[in-house]
PDB file of all heavy atoms in Angstrom:
ATOM      1  N   ALA A   1       6.863 -13.024  15.527  1.00  0.00           N
ATOM      2  CA  ALA A   1       6.136 -12.292  16.621  1.00  0.00           C
ATOM      3  C   ALA A   1       4.700 -12.743  16.610  1.00  0.00           C
ATOM      4  O   ALA A   1       4.081 -13.032  15.518  1.00  0.00           O
ATOM      5  CB  ALA A   1       6.212 -10.807  16.402  1.00  0.00           C
ATOM      6  N   VAL A   2       4.101 -12.916  17.746  1.00  0.00           N
ATOM      7  CA  VAL A   2       2.686 -13.212  17.838  1.00  0.00           C
ATOM      8  C   VAL A   2       1.893 -11.944  18.078  1.00  0.00           C
ATOM      9  O   VAL A   2       2.009 -11.331  19.131  1.00  0.00           O
ATOM     10  CB  VAL A   2       2.426 -14.247  18.941  1.00  0.00           C
ATOM     11  CG1 VAL A   2       0.874 -14.542  19.058  1.00  0.00           C
ATOM     12  CG2 VAL A   2       3.276 -15.535  18.722  1.00  0.00           C
ATOM     13  N   PRO A   3       1.209 -11.492  17.158  1.00  0.00           N
ATOM     14  CA  PRO A   3       0.431 -10.116  17.337  1.00  0.00           C
ATOM     15  C   PRO A   3      -0.647 -10.249  18.433  1.00  0.00           C
ATOM     16  O   PRO A   3      -1.183 -11.291  18.544  1.00  0.00           O
ATOM     17  CB  PRO A   3      -0.136  -9.894  15.979  1.00  0.00           C
ATOM     18  CG  PRO A   3      -0.274 -11.200  15.292  1.00  0.00           C
ATOM     19  CD  PRO A   3       0.842 -12.041  15.789  1.00  0.00           C
ATOM     20  N   ALA A   4      -0.874  -9.133  19.070  1.00  0.00           N
ATOM     21  CA  ALA A   4      -1.836  -9.101  20.167  1.00  0.00           C
ATOM     22  C   ALA A   4      -3.217  -9.191  19.604  1.00  0.00           C
ATOM     23  O   ALA A   4      -4.133  -9.714  20.260  1.00  0.00           O
ATOM     24  CB  ALA A   4      -1.686  -7.816  20.965  1.00  0.00           C
ATOM     25  N   ARG A   5      -3.372  -8.876  18.333  1.00  0.00           N
ATOM     26  CA  ARG A   5      -4.644  -8.963  17.686  1.00  0.00           C
ATOM     27  C   ARG A   5      -4.498  -9.369  16.134  1.00  0.00           C
ATOM     28  O   ARG A   5      -3.380  -9.060  15.619  1.00  0.00           O
ATOM     29  CB  ARG A   5      -5.481  -7.724  17.775  1.00  0.00           C
ATOM     30  CG  ARG A   5      -4.856  -6.521  17.070  1.00  0.00           C
ATOM     31  CD  ARG A   5      -5.670  -5.248  17.222  1.00  0.00           C
ATOM     32  NE  ARG A   5      -5.526  -4.730  18.619  1.00  0.00           N
ATOM     33  CZ  ARG A   5      -6.247  -3.628  19.015  1.00  0.00           C
ATOM     34  NH1 ARG A   5      -7.091  -2.955  18.245  1.00  0.00           N
ATOM     35  NH2 ARG A   5      -6.082  -3.244  20.320  1.00  0.00           N
ATOM     36  N   PRO A   6      -5.485  -9.916  15.533  1.00  0.00           N
ATOM     37  CA  PRO A   6      -5.244 -10.179  14.113  1.00  0.00           C
ATOM     38  C   PRO A   6      -4.969  -8.949  13.257  1.00  0.00           C
ATOM     39  O   PRO A   6      -5.422  -7.850  13.600  1.00  0.00           O
ATOM     40  CB  PRO A   6      -6.608 -10.772  13.643  1.00  0.00           C
ATOM     41  CG  PRO A   6      -7.228 -11.213  14.984  1.00  0.00           C
ATOM     42  CD  PRO A   6      -6.727 -10.296  16.025  1.00  0.00           C
ATOM     43  N   PHE A   7      -4.204  -9.073  12.150  1.00  0.00           N
ATOM     44  CA  PHE A   7      -3.856  -7.955  11.346  1.00  0.00           C
ATOM     45  C   PHE A   7      -5.171  -7.404  10.654  1.00  0.00           C
ATOM     46  O   PHE A   7      -5.903  -8.249  10.135  1.00  0.00           O
ATOM     47  CB  PHE A   7      -2.824  -8.424  10.272  1.00  0.00           C
ATOM     48  CG  PHE A   7      -1.539  -8.651  10.810  1.00  0.00           C
ATOM     49  CD1 PHE A   7      -0.927  -9.865  10.789  1.00  0.00           C
ATOM     50  CD2 PHE A   7      -0.737  -7.638  11.461  1.00  0.00           C
ATOM     51  CE1 PHE A   7       0.272 -10.147  11.272  1.00  0.00           C
ATOM     52  CE2 PHE A   7       0.503  -7.893  12.000  1.00  0.00           C
ATOM     53  CZ  PHE A   7       1.044  -9.173  11.879  1.00  0.00           C
ATOM     54  N   THR A   8      -5.355  -6.186  10.607  1.00  0.00           N
ATOM     55  CA  THR A   8      -6.488  -5.520   9.948  1.00  0.00           C
ATOM     56  C   THR A   8      -6.330  -5.797   8.427  1.00  0.00           C
ATOM     57  O   THR A   8      -5.318  -5.595   7.871  1.00  0.00           O
ATOM     58  CB  THR A   8      -6.483  -4.087  10.240  1.00  0.00           C
ATOM     59  OG1 THR A   8      -6.484  -3.844  11.660  1.00  0.00           O
ATOM     60  CG2 THR A   8      -7.707  -3.387   9.661  1.00  0.00           C
ATOM     61  N   LYS A   9      -7.516  -6.087   7.785  1.00  0.00           N
ATOM     62  CA  LYS A   9      -7.572  -6.281   6.369  1.00  0.00           C
ATOM     63  C   LYS A   9      -7.473  -4.881   5.654  1.00  0.00           C
ATOM     64  O   LYS A   9      -8.274  -3.919   6.064  1.00  0.00           O
ATOM     65  CB  LYS A   9      -8.819  -6.981   6.008  1.00  0.00           C
ATOM     66  CG  LYS A   9      -8.907  -7.266   4.480  1.00  0.00           C
ATOM     67  CD  LYS A   9     -10.223  -8.030   4.106  1.00  0.00           C
ATOM     68  CE  LYS A   9     -10.296  -8.173   2.659  1.00  0.00           C
ATOM     69  NZ  LYS A   9     -11.584  -8.798   2.208  1.00  0.00           N
ATOM     70  N   LEU A  10      -6.677  -4.806   4.647  1.00  0.00           N
ATOM     71  CA  LEU A  10      -6.512  -3.559   3.877  1.00  0.00           C
ATOM     72  C   LEU A  10      -7.564  -3.691   2.717  1.00  0.00           C
ATOM     73  O   LEU A  10      -7.397  -4.459   1.877  1.00  0.00           O
ATOM     74  CB  LEU A  10      -5.118  -3.324   3.383  1.00  0.00           C
ATOM     75  CG  LEU A  10      -4.024  -3.355   4.437  1.00  0.00           C
ATOM     76  CD1 LEU A  10      -2.673  -3.181   3.795  1.00  0.00           C
ATOM     77  CD2 LEU A  10      -4.300  -2.405   5.553  1.00  0.00           C
ATOM     78  N   ASN A  11      -8.540  -2.822   2.781  1.00  0.00           N
ATOM     79  CA  ASN A  11      -9.728  -2.902   1.835  1.00  0.00           C
ATOM     80  C   ASN A  11      -9.585  -2.232   0.503  1.00  0.00           C
ATOM     81  O   ASN A  11     -10.310  -2.327  -0.384  1.00  0.00           O
ATOM     82  CB  ASN A  11     -10.994  -2.430   2.556  1.00  0.00           C
ATOM     83  CG  ASN A  11     -11.348  -3.150   3.752  1.00  0.00           C
ATOM     84  OD1 ASN A  11     -11.104  -4.354   3.798  1.00  0.00           O
ATOM     85  ND2 ASN A  11     -11.901  -2.524   4.750  1.00  0.00           N
ATOM     86  N   TYR A  12      -8.507  -1.354   0.422  1.00  0.00           N
ATOM     87  CA  TYR A  12      -8.418  -0.551  -0.764  1.00  0.00           C
ATOM     88  C   TYR A  12      -6.946  -0.521  -1.377  1.00  0.00           C
ATOM     89  O   TYR A  12      -5.992  -0.825  -0.678  1.00  0.00           O
ATOM     90  CB  TYR A  12      -8.744   0.972  -0.471  1.00  0.00           C
ATOM     91  CG  TYR A  12     -10.159   1.099   0.004  1.00  0.00           C
ATOM     92  CD1 TYR A  12     -10.543   1.219   1.331  1.00  0.00           C
ATOM     93  CD2 TYR A  12     -11.270   1.203  -0.966  1.00  0.00           C
ATOM     94  CE1 TYR A  12     -11.810   1.396   1.732  1.00  0.00           C
ATOM     95  CE2 TYR A  12     -12.515   1.313  -0.554  1.00  0.00           C
ATOM     96  CZ  TYR A  12     -12.789   1.412   0.773  1.00  0.00           C
ATOM     97  OH  TYR A  12     -14.172   1.640   1.140  1.00  0.00           O
ATOM     98  N   THR A  13      -6.935  -0.256  -2.625  1.00  0.00           N
ATOM     99  CA  THR A  13      -5.613  -0.021  -3.374  1.00  0.00           C
ATOM    100  C   THR A  13      -5.754   1.287  -4.064  1.00  0.00           C
ATOM    101  O   THR A  13      -6.782   1.890  -4.202  1.00  0.00           O
ATOM    102  CB  THR A  13      -5.384  -1.119  -4.356  1.00  0.00           C
ATOM    103  OG1 THR A  13      -6.469  -1.267  -5.349  1.00  0.00           O
ATOM    104  CG2 THR A  13      -5.241  -2.511  -3.749  1.00  0.00           C
ATOM    105  N   VAL A  14      -4.697   1.704  -4.623  1.00  0.00           N
ATOM    106  CA  VAL A  14      -4.637   2.972  -5.442  1.00  0.00           C
ATOM    107  C   VAL A  14      -5.456   2.649  -6.725  1.00  0.00           C
ATOM    108  O   VAL A  14      -5.335   1.647  -7.227  1.00  0.00           O
ATOM    109  CB  VAL A  14      -3.159   3.375  -5.634  1.00  0.00           C
ATOM    110  CG1 VAL A  14      -3.172   4.636  -6.636  1.00  0.00           C
ATOM    111  CG2 VAL A  14      -2.465   3.667  -4.456  1.00  0.00           C
ATOM    112  N   ASP A  15      -6.147   3.710  -7.209  1.00  0.00           N
ATOM    113  CA  ASP A  15      -6.868   3.603  -8.418  1.00  0.00           C
ATOM    114  C   ASP A  15      -5.979   3.299  -9.583  1.00  0.00           C
ATOM    115  O   ASP A  15      -4.859   3.855  -9.718  1.00  0.00           O
ATOM    116  CB  ASP A  15      -7.658   4.946  -8.701  1.00  0.00           C
ATOM    117  CG  ASP A  15      -8.786   5.148  -7.783  1.00  0.00           C
ATOM    118  OD1 ASP A  15      -9.306   4.134  -7.314  1.00  0.00           O
ATOM    119  OD2 ASP A  15      -9.115   6.298  -7.504  1.00  0.00           O
ATOM    120  N   ASP A  16      -6.380   2.386 -10.443  1.00  0.00           N
ATOM    121  CA  ASP A  16      -5.573   2.057 -11.684  1.00  0.00           C
ATOM    122  C   ASP A  16      -5.497   3.279 -12.523  1.00  0.00           C
ATOM    123  O   ASP A  16      -4.542   3.444 -13.246  1.00  0.00           O
ATOM    124  CB  ASP A  16      -6.282   0.874 -12.433  1.00  0.00           C
ATOM    125  CG  ASP A  16      -6.104  -0.449 -11.574  1.00  0.00           C
ATOM    126  OD1 ASP A  16      -5.206  -0.454 -10.728  1.00  0.00           O
ATOM    127  OD2 ASP A  16      -6.931  -1.248 -11.778  1.00  0.00           O
ATOM    128  N   VAL A  17      -6.559   4.013 -12.546  1.00  0.00           N
ATOM    129  CA  VAL A  17      -6.582   5.333 -13.468  1.00  0.00           C
ATOM    130  C   VAL A  17      -5.898   6.491 -12.891  1.00  0.00           C
ATOM    131  O   VAL A  17      -5.772   7.507 -13.530  1.00  0.00           O
ATOM    132  CB  VAL A  17      -8.089   5.717 -13.744  1.00  0.00           C
ATOM    133  CG1 VAL A  17      -8.778   4.476 -14.555  1.00  0.00           C
ATOM    134  CG2 VAL A  17      -8.785   6.087 -12.418  1.00  0.00           C
ATOM    135  N   TRP A  18      -5.390   6.294 -11.619  1.00  0.00           N
ATOM    136  CA  TRP A  18      -4.718   7.503 -11.031  1.00  0.00           C
ATOM    137  C   TRP A  18      -3.337   7.622 -11.534  1.00  0.00           C
ATOM    138  O   TRP A  18      -2.584   6.652 -11.656  1.00  0.00           O
ATOM    139  CB  TRP A  18      -4.641   7.274  -9.425  1.00  0.00           C
ATOM    140  CG  TRP A  18      -3.961   8.287  -8.738  1.00  0.00           C
ATOM    141  CD1 TRP A  18      -4.286   9.693  -8.784  1.00  0.00           C
ATOM    142  CD2 TRP A  18      -2.873   8.241  -7.863  1.00  0.00           C
ATOM    143  NE1 TRP A  18      -3.375  10.346  -7.965  1.00  0.00           N
ATOM    144  CE2 TRP A  18      -2.547   9.386  -7.360  1.00  0.00           C
ATOM    145  CE3 TRP A  18      -2.085   7.150  -7.457  1.00  0.00           C
ATOM    146  CZ2 TRP A  18      -1.501   9.695  -6.498  1.00  0.00           C
ATOM    147  CZ3 TRP A  18      -1.062   7.369  -6.550  1.00  0.00           C
ATOM    148  CH2 TRP A  18      -0.823   8.634  -6.073  1.00  0.00           C
ATOM    149  N   ASN A  19      -2.964   8.827 -11.916  1.00  0.00           N
ATOM    150  CA  ASN A  19      -1.635   9.149 -12.370  1.00  0.00           C
ATOM    151  C   ASN A  19      -0.750   9.626 -11.299  1.00  0.00           C
ATOM    152  O   ASN A  19      -0.948  10.820 -10.847  1.00  0.00           O
ATOM    153  CB  ASN A  19      -1.827  10.132 -13.500  1.00  0.00           C
ATOM    154  CG  ASN A  19      -0.362  10.440 -14.183  1.00  0.00           C
ATOM    155  OD1 ASN A  19       0.597   9.773 -13.965  1.00  0.00           O
ATOM    156  ND2 ASN A  19      -0.293  11.484 -14.984  1.00  0.00           N
ATOM    157  N   PRO A  20       0.217   8.835 -10.821  1.00  0.00           N
ATOM    158  CA  PRO A  20       1.072   9.268  -9.747  1.00  0.00           C
ATOM    159  C   PRO A  20       1.880  10.573 -10.086  1.00  0.00           C
ATOM    160  O   PRO A  20       2.290  11.235  -9.234  1.00  0.00           O
ATOM    161  CB  PRO A  20       2.022   8.107  -9.538  1.00  0.00           C
ATOM    162  CG  PRO A  20       1.321   6.904 -10.109  1.00  0.00           C
ATOM    163  CD  PRO A  20       0.556   7.383 -11.247  1.00  0.00           C
ATOM    164  N   GLU A  21       1.997  10.918 -11.318  1.00  0.00           N
ATOM    165  CA  GLU A  21       2.717  12.073 -11.742  1.00  0.00           C
ATOM    166  C   GLU A  21       1.967  13.365 -11.293  1.00  0.00           C
ATOM    167  O   GLU A  21       2.556  14.412 -11.328  1.00  0.00           O
ATOM    168  CB  GLU A  21       2.968  12.049 -13.234  1.00  0.00           C
ATOM    169  CG  GLU A  21       3.896  10.940 -13.749  1.00  0.00           C
ATOM    170  CD  GLU A  21       4.093  11.001 -15.227  1.00  0.00           C
ATOM    171  OE1 GLU A  21       3.556  11.903 -15.868  1.00  0.00           O
ATOM    172  OE2 GLU A  21       4.829  10.142 -15.708  1.00  0.00           O
ATOM    173  N   GLU A  22       0.717  13.199 -10.996  1.00  0.00           N
ATOM    174  CA  GLU A  22      -0.002  14.409 -10.497  1.00  0.00           C
ATOM    175  C   GLU A  22       0.525  14.914  -9.240  1.00  0.00           C
ATOM    176  O   GLU A  22       0.364  16.072  -8.813  1.00  0.00           O
ATOM    177  CB  GLU A  22      -1.503  13.987 -10.264  1.00  0.00           C
ATOM    178  CG  GLU A  22      -2.153  13.697 -11.535  1.00  0.00           C
ATOM    179  CD  GLU A  22      -3.659  13.334 -11.351  1.00  0.00           C
ATOM    180  OE1 GLU A  22      -4.079  13.474 -10.186  1.00  0.00           O
ATOM    181  OE2 GLU A  22      -4.298  12.765 -12.310  1.00  0.00           O
ATOM    182  N   LEU A  23       1.234  14.052  -8.478  1.00  0.00           N
ATOM    183  CA  LEU A  23       1.864  14.435  -7.160  1.00  0.00           C
ATOM    184  C   LEU A  23       3.150  13.593  -7.007  1.00  0.00           C
ATOM    185  O   LEU A  23       3.153  12.454  -7.461  1.00  0.00           O
ATOM    186  CB  LEU A  23       0.851  14.094  -6.073  1.00  0.00           C
ATOM    187  CG  LEU A  23       1.157  14.801  -4.646  1.00  0.00           C
ATOM    188  CD1 LEU A  23       0.944  16.277  -4.872  1.00  0.00           C
ATOM    189  CD2 LEU A  23       0.029  14.310  -3.683  1.00  0.00           C
ATOM    190  N   ASP A  24       4.114  14.245  -6.460  1.00  0.00           N
ATOM    191  CA  ASP A  24       5.365  13.502  -6.215  1.00  0.00           C
ATOM    192  C   ASP A  24       5.185  12.404  -5.184  1.00  0.00           C
ATOM    193  O   ASP A  24       5.393  12.737  -3.970  1.00  0.00           O
ATOM    194  CB  ASP A  24       6.497  14.498  -5.915  1.00  0.00           C
ATOM    195  CG  ASP A  24       7.858  13.762  -5.736  1.00  0.00           C
ATOM    196  OD1 ASP A  24       7.956  12.668  -6.175  1.00  0.00           O
ATOM    197  OD2 ASP A  24       8.780  14.415  -5.144  1.00  0.00           O
ATOM    198  N   VAL A  25       4.943  11.257  -5.552  1.00  0.00           N
ATOM    199  CA  VAL A  25       4.723  10.115  -4.592  1.00  0.00           C
ATOM    200  C   VAL A  25       5.725   9.036  -4.729  1.00  0.00           C
ATOM    201  O   VAL A  25       5.583   7.992  -4.044  1.00  0.00           O
ATOM    202  CB  VAL A  25       3.217   9.591  -4.677  1.00  0.00           C
ATOM    203  CG1 VAL A  25       2.213  10.623  -4.473  1.00  0.00           C
ATOM    204  CG2 VAL A  25       3.070   9.039  -6.130  1.00  0.00           C
ATOM    205  N   GLY A  26       6.696   9.260  -5.521  1.00  0.00           N
ATOM    206  CA  GLY A  26       7.648   8.197  -5.789  1.00  0.00           C
ATOM    207  C   GLY A  26       8.335   7.694  -4.488  1.00  0.00           C
ATOM    208  O   GLY A  26       8.529   6.482  -4.353  1.00  0.00           O
ATOM    209  N   TRP A  27       8.586   8.581  -3.521  1.00  0.00           N
ATOM    210  CA  TRP A  27       9.261   8.222  -2.439  1.00  0.00           C
ATOM    211  C   TRP A  27       8.353   7.390  -1.417  1.00  0.00           C
ATOM    212  O   TRP A  27       8.862   6.779  -0.438  1.00  0.00           O
ATOM    213  CB  TRP A  27       9.795   9.425  -1.626  1.00  0.00           C
ATOM    214  CG  TRP A  27       8.753  10.374  -1.048  1.00  0.00           C
ATOM    215  CD1 TRP A  27       8.069  11.297  -1.749  1.00  0.00           C
ATOM    216  CD2 TRP A  27       8.239  10.334   0.258  1.00  0.00           C
ATOM    217  NE1 TRP A  27       7.160  11.935  -0.997  1.00  0.00           N
ATOM    218  CE2 TRP A  27       7.268  11.352   0.289  1.00  0.00           C
ATOM    219  CE3 TRP A  27       8.469   9.579   1.376  1.00  0.00           C
ATOM    220  CZ2 TRP A  27       6.553  11.544   1.481  1.00  0.00           C
ATOM    221  CZ3 TRP A  27       7.793   9.803   2.527  1.00  0.00           C
ATOM    222  CH2 TRP A  27       6.805  10.864   2.569  1.00  0.00           C
ATOM    223  N   THR A  28       7.072   7.289  -1.645  1.00  0.00           N
ATOM    224  CA  THR A  28       6.190   6.521  -0.739  1.00  0.00           C
ATOM    225  C   THR A  28       6.405   5.053  -0.959  1.00  0.00           C
ATOM    226  O   THR A  28       6.061   4.263  -0.042  1.00  0.00           O
ATOM    227  CB  THR A  28       4.705   6.887  -0.932  1.00  0.00           C
ATOM    228  OG1 THR A  28       4.326   6.475  -2.284  1.00  0.00           O
ATOM    229  CG2 THR A  28       4.471   8.425  -0.754  1.00  0.00           C
ATOM    230  N   ASN A  29       6.957   4.690  -2.011  1.00  0.00           N
ATOM    231  CA  ASN A  29       7.144   3.204  -2.290  1.00  0.00           C
ATOM    232  C   ASN A  29       8.303   2.994  -3.158  1.00  0.00           C
ATOM    233  O   ASN A  29       8.311   2.969  -4.421  1.00  0.00           O
ATOM    234  CB  ASN A  29       5.862   2.643  -2.961  1.00  0.00           C
ATOM    235  CG  ASN A  29       5.979   1.189  -3.136  1.00  0.00           C
ATOM    236  OD1 ASN A  29       6.965   0.534  -2.836  1.00  0.00           O
ATOM    237  ND2 ASN A  29       4.859   0.518  -3.480  1.00  0.00           N
ATOM    238  N   LYS A  30       9.496   2.855  -2.623  1.00  0.00           N
ATOM    239  CA  LYS A  30      10.797   2.738  -3.307  1.00  0.00           C
ATOM    240  C   LYS A  30      11.019   1.307  -3.739  1.00  0.00           C
ATOM    241  O   LYS A  30      11.853   1.045  -4.552  1.00  0.00           O
ATOM    242  CB  LYS A  30      11.981   3.214  -2.419  1.00  0.00           C
ATOM    243  CG  LYS A  30      11.966   4.666  -2.132  1.00  0.00           C
ATOM    244  CD  LYS A  30      12.136   5.495  -3.336  1.00  0.00           C
ATOM    245  CE  LYS A  30      12.340   7.019  -2.968  1.00  0.00           C
ATOM    246  NZ  LYS A  30      12.403   7.829  -4.089  1.00  0.00           N
ATOM    247  N   TRP A  31      10.224   0.383  -3.106  1.00  0.00           N
ATOM    248  CA  TRP A  31      10.478  -1.044  -3.425  1.00  0.00           C
ATOM    249  C   TRP A  31       9.628  -1.395  -4.650  1.00  0.00           C
ATOM    250  O   TRP A  31       8.384  -1.523  -4.663  1.00  0.00           O
ATOM    251  CB  TRP A  31      10.053  -1.873  -2.275  1.00  0.00           C
ATOM    252  CG  TRP A  31      10.394  -3.354  -2.434  1.00  0.00           C
ATOM    253  CD1 TRP A  31       9.641  -4.315  -2.949  1.00  0.00           C
ATOM    254  CD2 TRP A  31      11.627  -3.970  -2.300  1.00  0.00           C
ATOM    255  NE1 TRP A  31      10.274  -5.496  -2.970  1.00  0.00           N
ATOM    256  CE2 TRP A  31      11.501  -5.322  -2.463  1.00  0.00           C
ATOM    257  CE3 TRP A  31      12.864  -3.471  -1.712  1.00  0.00           C
ATOM    258  CZ2 TRP A  31      12.604  -6.156  -2.350  1.00  0.00           C
ATOM    259  CZ3 TRP A  31      13.918  -4.292  -1.544  1.00  0.00           C
ATOM    260  CH2 TRP A  31      13.785  -5.775  -1.878  1.00  0.00           C
ATOM    261  N   MET A  32      10.278  -1.511  -5.752  1.00  0.00           N
ATOM    262  CA  MET A  32       9.608  -1.708  -7.047  1.00  0.00           C
ATOM    263  C   MET A  32       9.480  -3.136  -7.441  1.00  0.00           C
ATOM    264  O   MET A  32       8.786  -3.530  -8.369  1.00  0.00           O
ATOM    265  CB  MET A  32      10.384  -1.035  -8.199  1.00  0.00           C
ATOM    266  CG  MET A  32      10.428   0.486  -8.010  1.00  0.00           C
ATOM    267  SD  MET A  32       8.787   1.250  -7.731  1.00  0.00           S
ATOM    268  CE  MET A  32       9.278   3.004  -7.535  1.00  0.00           C
ATOM    269  N   ASN A  33      10.088  -4.107  -6.589  1.00  0.00           N
ATOM    270  CA  ASN A  33       9.996  -5.472  -6.866  1.00  0.00           C
ATOM    271  C   ASN A  33       8.696  -6.098  -6.190  1.00  0.00           C
ATOM    272  O   ASN A  33       8.011  -5.379  -5.449  1.00  0.00           O
ATOM    273  CB  ASN A  33      11.184  -6.245  -6.280  1.00  0.00           C
ATOM    274  CG  ASN A  33      12.531  -5.740  -7.081  1.00  0.00           C
ATOM    275  OD1 ASN A  33      12.486  -5.354  -8.208  1.00  0.00           O
ATOM    276  ND2 ASN A  33      13.535  -5.595  -6.243  1.00  0.00           N
ATOM    277  N   GLN A  34       8.405  -7.327  -6.465  1.00  0.00           N
ATOM    278  CA  GLN A  34       7.313  -8.030  -5.755  1.00  0.00           C
ATOM    279  C   GLN A  34       7.640  -8.155  -4.279  1.00  0.00           C
ATOM    280  O   GLN A  34       8.828  -8.240  -3.906  1.00  0.00           O
ATOM    281  CB  GLN A  34       7.138  -9.464  -6.366  1.00  0.00           C
ATOM    282  CG  GLN A  34       6.536  -9.313  -7.771  1.00  0.00           C
ATOM    283  CD  GLN A  34       6.216 -10.724  -8.280  1.00  0.00           C
ATOM    284  OE1 GLN A  34       6.579 -11.776  -7.674  1.00  0.00           O
ATOM    285  NE2 GLN A  34       5.482 -10.765  -9.408  1.00  0.00           N
ATOM    286  N   MET A  35       6.589  -8.232  -3.463  1.00  0.00           N
ATOM    287  CA  MET A  35       6.827  -8.438  -2.031  1.00  0.00           C
ATOM    288  C   MET A  35       7.552  -9.746  -1.816  1.00  0.00           C
ATOM    289  O   MET A  35       6.977 -10.823  -2.316  1.00  0.00           O
ATOM    290  CB  MET A  35       5.528  -8.337  -1.313  1.00  0.00           C
ATOM    291  CG  MET A  35       4.792  -7.029  -1.399  1.00  0.00           C
ATOM    292  SD  MET A  35       5.503  -5.828  -0.379  1.00  0.00           S
ATOM    293  CE  MET A  35       5.007  -6.251   1.261  1.00  0.00           C
ATOM    294  N   PRO A  36       8.715  -9.805  -1.163  1.00  0.00           N
ATOM    295  CA  PRO A  36       9.431 -11.054  -1.073  1.00  0.00           C
ATOM    296  C   PRO A  36       8.586 -12.054  -0.003  1.00  0.00           C
ATOM    297  O   PRO A  36       8.145 -11.565   0.961  1.00  0.00           O
ATOM    298  CB  PRO A  36      10.744 -10.592  -0.405  1.00  0.00           C
ATOM    299  CG  PRO A  36      10.413  -9.284   0.252  1.00  0.00           C
ATOM    300  CD  PRO A  36       9.391  -8.641  -0.623  1.00  0.00           C
ATOM    301  N   GLN A  37       8.709 -13.304  -0.443  1.00  0.00           N
ATOM    302  CA  GLN A  37       8.002 -14.351   0.404  1.00  0.00           C
ATOM    303  C   GLN A  37       9.087 -14.848   1.425  1.00  0.00           C
ATOM    304  O   GLN A  37       8.636 -15.404   2.500  1.00  0.00           O
ATOM    305  CB  GLN A  37       7.565 -15.466  -0.426  1.00  0.00           C
ATOM    306  CG  GLN A  37       6.465 -14.981  -1.486  1.00  0.00           C
ATOM    307  CD  GLN A  37       5.293 -14.321  -0.741  1.00  0.00           C
ATOM    308  OE1 GLN A  37       4.715 -14.896   0.207  1.00  0.00           O
ATOM    309  NE2 GLN A  37       4.903 -13.206  -1.339  1.00  0.00           N
ATOM    310  N   GLU A  38      10.379 -14.722   1.215  1.00  0.00           N
ATOM    311  CA  GLU A  38      11.345 -15.138   2.146  1.00  0.00           C
ATOM    312  C   GLU A  38      12.160 -13.957   2.553  1.00  0.00           C
ATOM    313  O   GLU A  38      12.064 -12.816   1.955  1.00  0.00           O
ATOM    314  CB  GLU A  38      12.294 -16.166   1.407  1.00  0.00           C
ATOM    315  CG  GLU A  38      11.489 -17.404   1.058  1.00  0.00           C
ATOM    316  CD  GLU A  38      12.524 -18.464   0.278  1.00  0.00           C
ATOM    317  OE1 GLU A  38      13.621 -18.059   0.116  1.00  0.00           O
ATOM    318  OE2 GLU A  38      11.990 -19.602   0.017  1.00  0.00           O
ATOM    319  N   TYR A  39      12.945 -14.157   3.712  1.00  0.00           N
ATOM    320  CA  TYR A  39      13.661 -12.953   4.276  1.00  0.00           C
ATOM    321  C   TYR A  39      14.598 -12.365   3.250  1.00  0.00           C
ATOM    322  O   TYR A  39      15.365 -12.977   2.533  1.00  0.00           O
ATOM    323  CB  TYR A  39      14.457 -13.498   5.453  1.00  0.00           C
ATOM    324  CG  TYR A  39      15.267 -12.492   6.127  1.00  0.00           C
ATOM    325  CD1 TYR A  39      14.629 -11.646   7.072  1.00  0.00           C
ATOM    326  CD2 TYR A  39      16.640 -12.288   5.842  1.00  0.00           C
ATOM    327  CE1 TYR A  39      15.425 -10.642   7.723  1.00  0.00           C
ATOM    328  CE2 TYR A  39      17.424 -11.302   6.481  1.00  0.00           C
ATOM    329  CZ  TYR A  39      16.699 -10.464   7.368  1.00  0.00           C
ATOM    330  OH  TYR A  39      17.485  -9.469   8.019  1.00  0.00           O
ATOM    331  N   ASP A  40      14.449 -10.984   3.156  1.00  0.00           N
ATOM    332  CA  ASP A  40      15.229 -10.222   2.219  1.00  0.00           C
ATOM    333  C   ASP A  40      15.809  -9.077   3.023  1.00  0.00           C
ATOM    334  O   ASP A  40      14.981  -8.161   3.463  1.00  0.00           O
ATOM    335  CB  ASP A  40      14.409  -9.775   1.120  1.00  0.00           C
ATOM    336  CG  ASP A  40      15.164  -9.009   0.001  1.00  0.00           C
ATOM    337  OD1 ASP A  40      15.879  -8.075   0.353  1.00  0.00           O
ATOM    338  OD2 ASP A  40      15.045  -9.434  -1.186  1.00  0.00           O
ATOM    339  N   ARG A  41      17.110  -8.968   3.207  1.00  0.00           N
ATOM    340  CA  ARG A  41      17.761  -7.951   4.040  1.00  0.00           C
ATOM    341  C   ARG A  41      17.443  -6.523   3.404  1.00  0.00           C
ATOM    342  O   ARG A  41      17.102  -5.598   4.167  1.00  0.00           O
ATOM    343  CB  ARG A  41      19.267  -8.223   4.037  1.00  0.00           C
ATOM    344  CG  ARG A  41      20.045  -7.052   4.693  1.00  0.00           C
ATOM    345  CD  ARG A  41      19.959  -7.057   6.169  1.00  0.00           C
ATOM    346  NE  ARG A  41      20.503  -5.861   6.695  1.00  0.00           N
ATOM    347  CZ  ARG A  41      21.068  -5.828   7.967  1.00  0.00           C
ATOM    348  NH1 ARG A  41      21.183  -6.946   8.691  1.00  0.00           N
ATOM    349  NH2 ARG A  41      21.584  -4.758   8.485  1.00  0.00           N
TER     350      ARG A  41
END
């Protein structure tokens, strides 16, 4: 697909010191592998 505008840059990541166990956030990111570079069903 050719996007209508360039993709916005994501400027932030989650803090390294942040403990996800403080809140149930496991379901926000079930993909535990690296982001695939080729098509992955």
